Amino acid sequence: MVTNSAPETATSDPLFELLDIPAIVSLTHLSERFVTRLVYSRRVPVVKLGPRVFVRRSDLAALIENNTSPAREA
């Protein structure tokens, strides 16, 4: 039996979704200046396509996860 499903590609995977700076600001509610500084100081890996700079959603999630500290016990 043959199915007509499209092969999975990087673009169909939400982990490869590219976010620009305004999208990151919208998702995280951080200031545009702070996000710009994170991106241009290379604290998060970037994808450059011509003059535009993007961050993979998975890299943004990893940055947040790596900078999350556990809650204190009461």
C-alpha atoms as a PDB file:
ATOM      1  CA  MET A   1       0.000   0.000   0.000  1.00  0.00           C
ATOM      2  CA  VAL A   2       1.424   3.377  -1.038  1.00  0.00           C
ATOM      3  CA  THR A   3       0.418   6.593   0.696  1.00  0.00           C
ATOM      4  CA  ASN A   4       0.583  10.032  -0.817  1.00  0.00           C
ATOM      5  CA  SER A   5       1.981  11.876   2.191  1.00  0.00           C
ATOM      6  CA  ALA A   6       4.559  14.583   1.701  1.00  0.00           C
ATOM      7  CA  PRO A   7       8.021  13.776   3.067  1.00  0.00           C
ATOM      8  CA  GLU A   8       8.897  15.498   6.297  1.00  0.00           C
ATOM      9  CA  THR A   9      11.197  18.452   5.810  1.00  0.00           C
ATOM     10  CA  ALA A  10      12.828  20.939   8.133  1.00  0.00           C
ATOM     11  CA  THR A  11      10.136  23.477   7.239  1.00  0.00           C
ATOM     12  CA  SER A  12       7.340  21.173   8.386  1.00  0.00           C
ATOM     13  CA  ASP A  13       8.963  20.765  11.795  1.00  0.00           C
ATOM     14  CA  PRO A  14       7.925  23.513  14.251  1.00  0.00           C
ATOM     15  CA  LEU A  15      11.371  23.309  15.884  1.00  0.00           C
ATOM     16  CA  PHE A  16      12.832  24.825  12.722  1.00  0.00           C
ATOM     17  CA  GLU A  17      10.450  27.771  12.712  1.00  0.00           C
ATOM     18  CA  LEU A  18      12.460  30.948  12.193  1.00  0.00           C
ATOM     19  CA  LEU A  19      11.611  33.974  14.322  1.00  0.00           C
ATOM     20  CA  ASP A  20      12.673  37.546  13.647  1.00  0.00           C
ATOM     21  CA  ILE A  21      13.226  40.072  16.424  1.00  0.00           C
ATOM     22  CA  PRO A  22       9.630  41.423  16.464  1.00  0.00           C
ATOM     23  CA  ALA A  23       8.303  37.846  16.704  1.00  0.00           C
ATOM     24  CA  ILE A  24      10.606  37.097  19.653  1.00  0.00           C
ATOM     25  CA  VAL A  25       9.489  40.308  21.366  1.00  0.00           C
ATOM     26  CA  SER A  26       5.857  39.306  20.863  1.00  0.00           C
ATOM     27  CA  LEU A  27       6.395  35.778  22.198  1.00  0.00           C
ATOM     28  CA  THR A  28       8.534  36.637  25.211  1.00  0.00           C
ATOM     29  CA  HIS A  29       7.208  40.106  26.149  1.00  0.00           C
ATOM     30  CA  LEU A  30      10.816  41.280  26.476  1.00  0.00           C
ATOM     31  CA  SER A  31      11.882  44.675  25.203  1.00  0.00           C
ATOM     32  CA  GLU A  32      13.026  45.001  21.610  1.00  0.00           C
ATOM     33  CA  ARG A  33      16.330  46.432  22.781  1.00  0.00           C
ATOM     34  CA  PHE A  34      17.014  43.447  25.071  1.00  0.00           C
ATOM     35  CA  VAL A  35      16.162  40.918  22.341  1.00  0.00           C
ATOM     36  CA  THR A  36      18.313  42.797  19.813  1.00  0.00           C
ATOM     37  CA  ARG A  37      21.240  42.740  22.242  1.00  0.00           C
ATOM     38  CA  LEU A  38      20.780  38.978  22.813  1.00  0.00           C
ATOM     39  CA  VAL A  39      20.800  38.342  19.073  1.00  0.00           C
ATOM     40  CA  TYR A  40      23.709  40.594  18.108  1.00  0.00           C
ATOM     41  CA  SER A  41      25.868  39.538  21.069  1.00  0.00           C
ATOM     42  CA  ARG A  42      25.379  35.945  19.815  1.00  0.00           C
ATOM     43  CA  ARG A  43      23.983  34.710  23.133  1.00  0.00           C
ATOM     44  CA  VAL A  44      21.545  32.775  20.977  1.00  0.00           C
ATOM     45  CA  PRO A  45      22.480  31.100  17.654  1.00  0.00           C
ATOM     46  CA  VAL A  46      21.255  33.042  14.637  1.00  0.00           C
ATOM     47  CA  VAL A  47      20.388  32.272  11.020  1.00  0.00           C
ATOM     48  CA  LYS A  48      21.342  35.023   8.579  1.00  0.00           C
ATOM     49  CA  LEU A  49      19.483  35.167   5.293  1.00  0.00           C
ATOM     50  CA  GLY A  50      20.907  38.118   3.436  1.00  0.00           C
ATOM     51  CA  PRO A  51      20.620  41.167   5.681  1.00  0.00           C
ATOM     52  CA  ARG A  52      17.894  39.583   7.834  1.00  0.00           C
ATOM     53  CA  VAL A  53      18.595  37.808  11.122  1.00  0.00           C
ATOM     54  CA  PHE A  54      16.438  35.004  12.511  1.00  0.00           C
ATOM     55  CA  VAL A  55      16.465  32.710  15.536  1.00  0.00           C
ATOM     56  CA  ARG A  56      15.137  29.162  15.466  1.00  0.00           C
ATOM     57  CA  ARG A  57      12.267  28.638  17.891  1.00  0.00           C
ATOM     58  CA  SER A  58      14.137  25.634  19.328  1.00  0.00           C
ATOM     59  CA  ASP A  59      17.236  27.780  20.010  1.00  0.00           C
ATOM     60  CA  LEU A  60      15.097  30.384  21.775  1.00  0.00           C
ATOM     61  CA  ALA A  61      13.511  27.625  23.887  1.00  0.00           C
ATOM     62  CA  ALA A  62      16.977  26.270  24.737  1.00  0.00           C
ATOM     63  CA  LEU A  63      18.166  29.737  25.801  1.00  0.00           C
ATOM     64  CA  ILE A  64      15.169  30.086  28.105  1.00  0.00           C
ATOM     65  CA  GLU A  65      15.614  26.562  29.489  1.00  0.00           C
ATOM     66  CA  ASN A  66      19.346  27.062  30.128  1.00  0.00           C
ATOM     67  CA  ASN A  67      18.712  30.312  31.981  1.00  0.00           C
ATOM     68  CA  THR A  68      15.883  29.058  34.165  1.00  0.00           C
ATOM     69  CA  SER A  69      16.709  28.637  37.825  1.00  0.00           C
ATOM     70  CA  PRO A  70      14.756  26.256  40.078  1.00  0.00           C
ATOM     71  CA  ALA A  71      12.291  27.627  42.589  1.00  0.00           C
ATOM     72  CA  ARG A  72      13.385  27.816  46.196  1.00  0.00           C
ATOM     73  CA  GLU A  73      11.864  25.415  48.644  1.00  0.00           C
ATOM     74  CA  ALA A  74       9.724  26.966  51.348  1.00  0.00           C
END
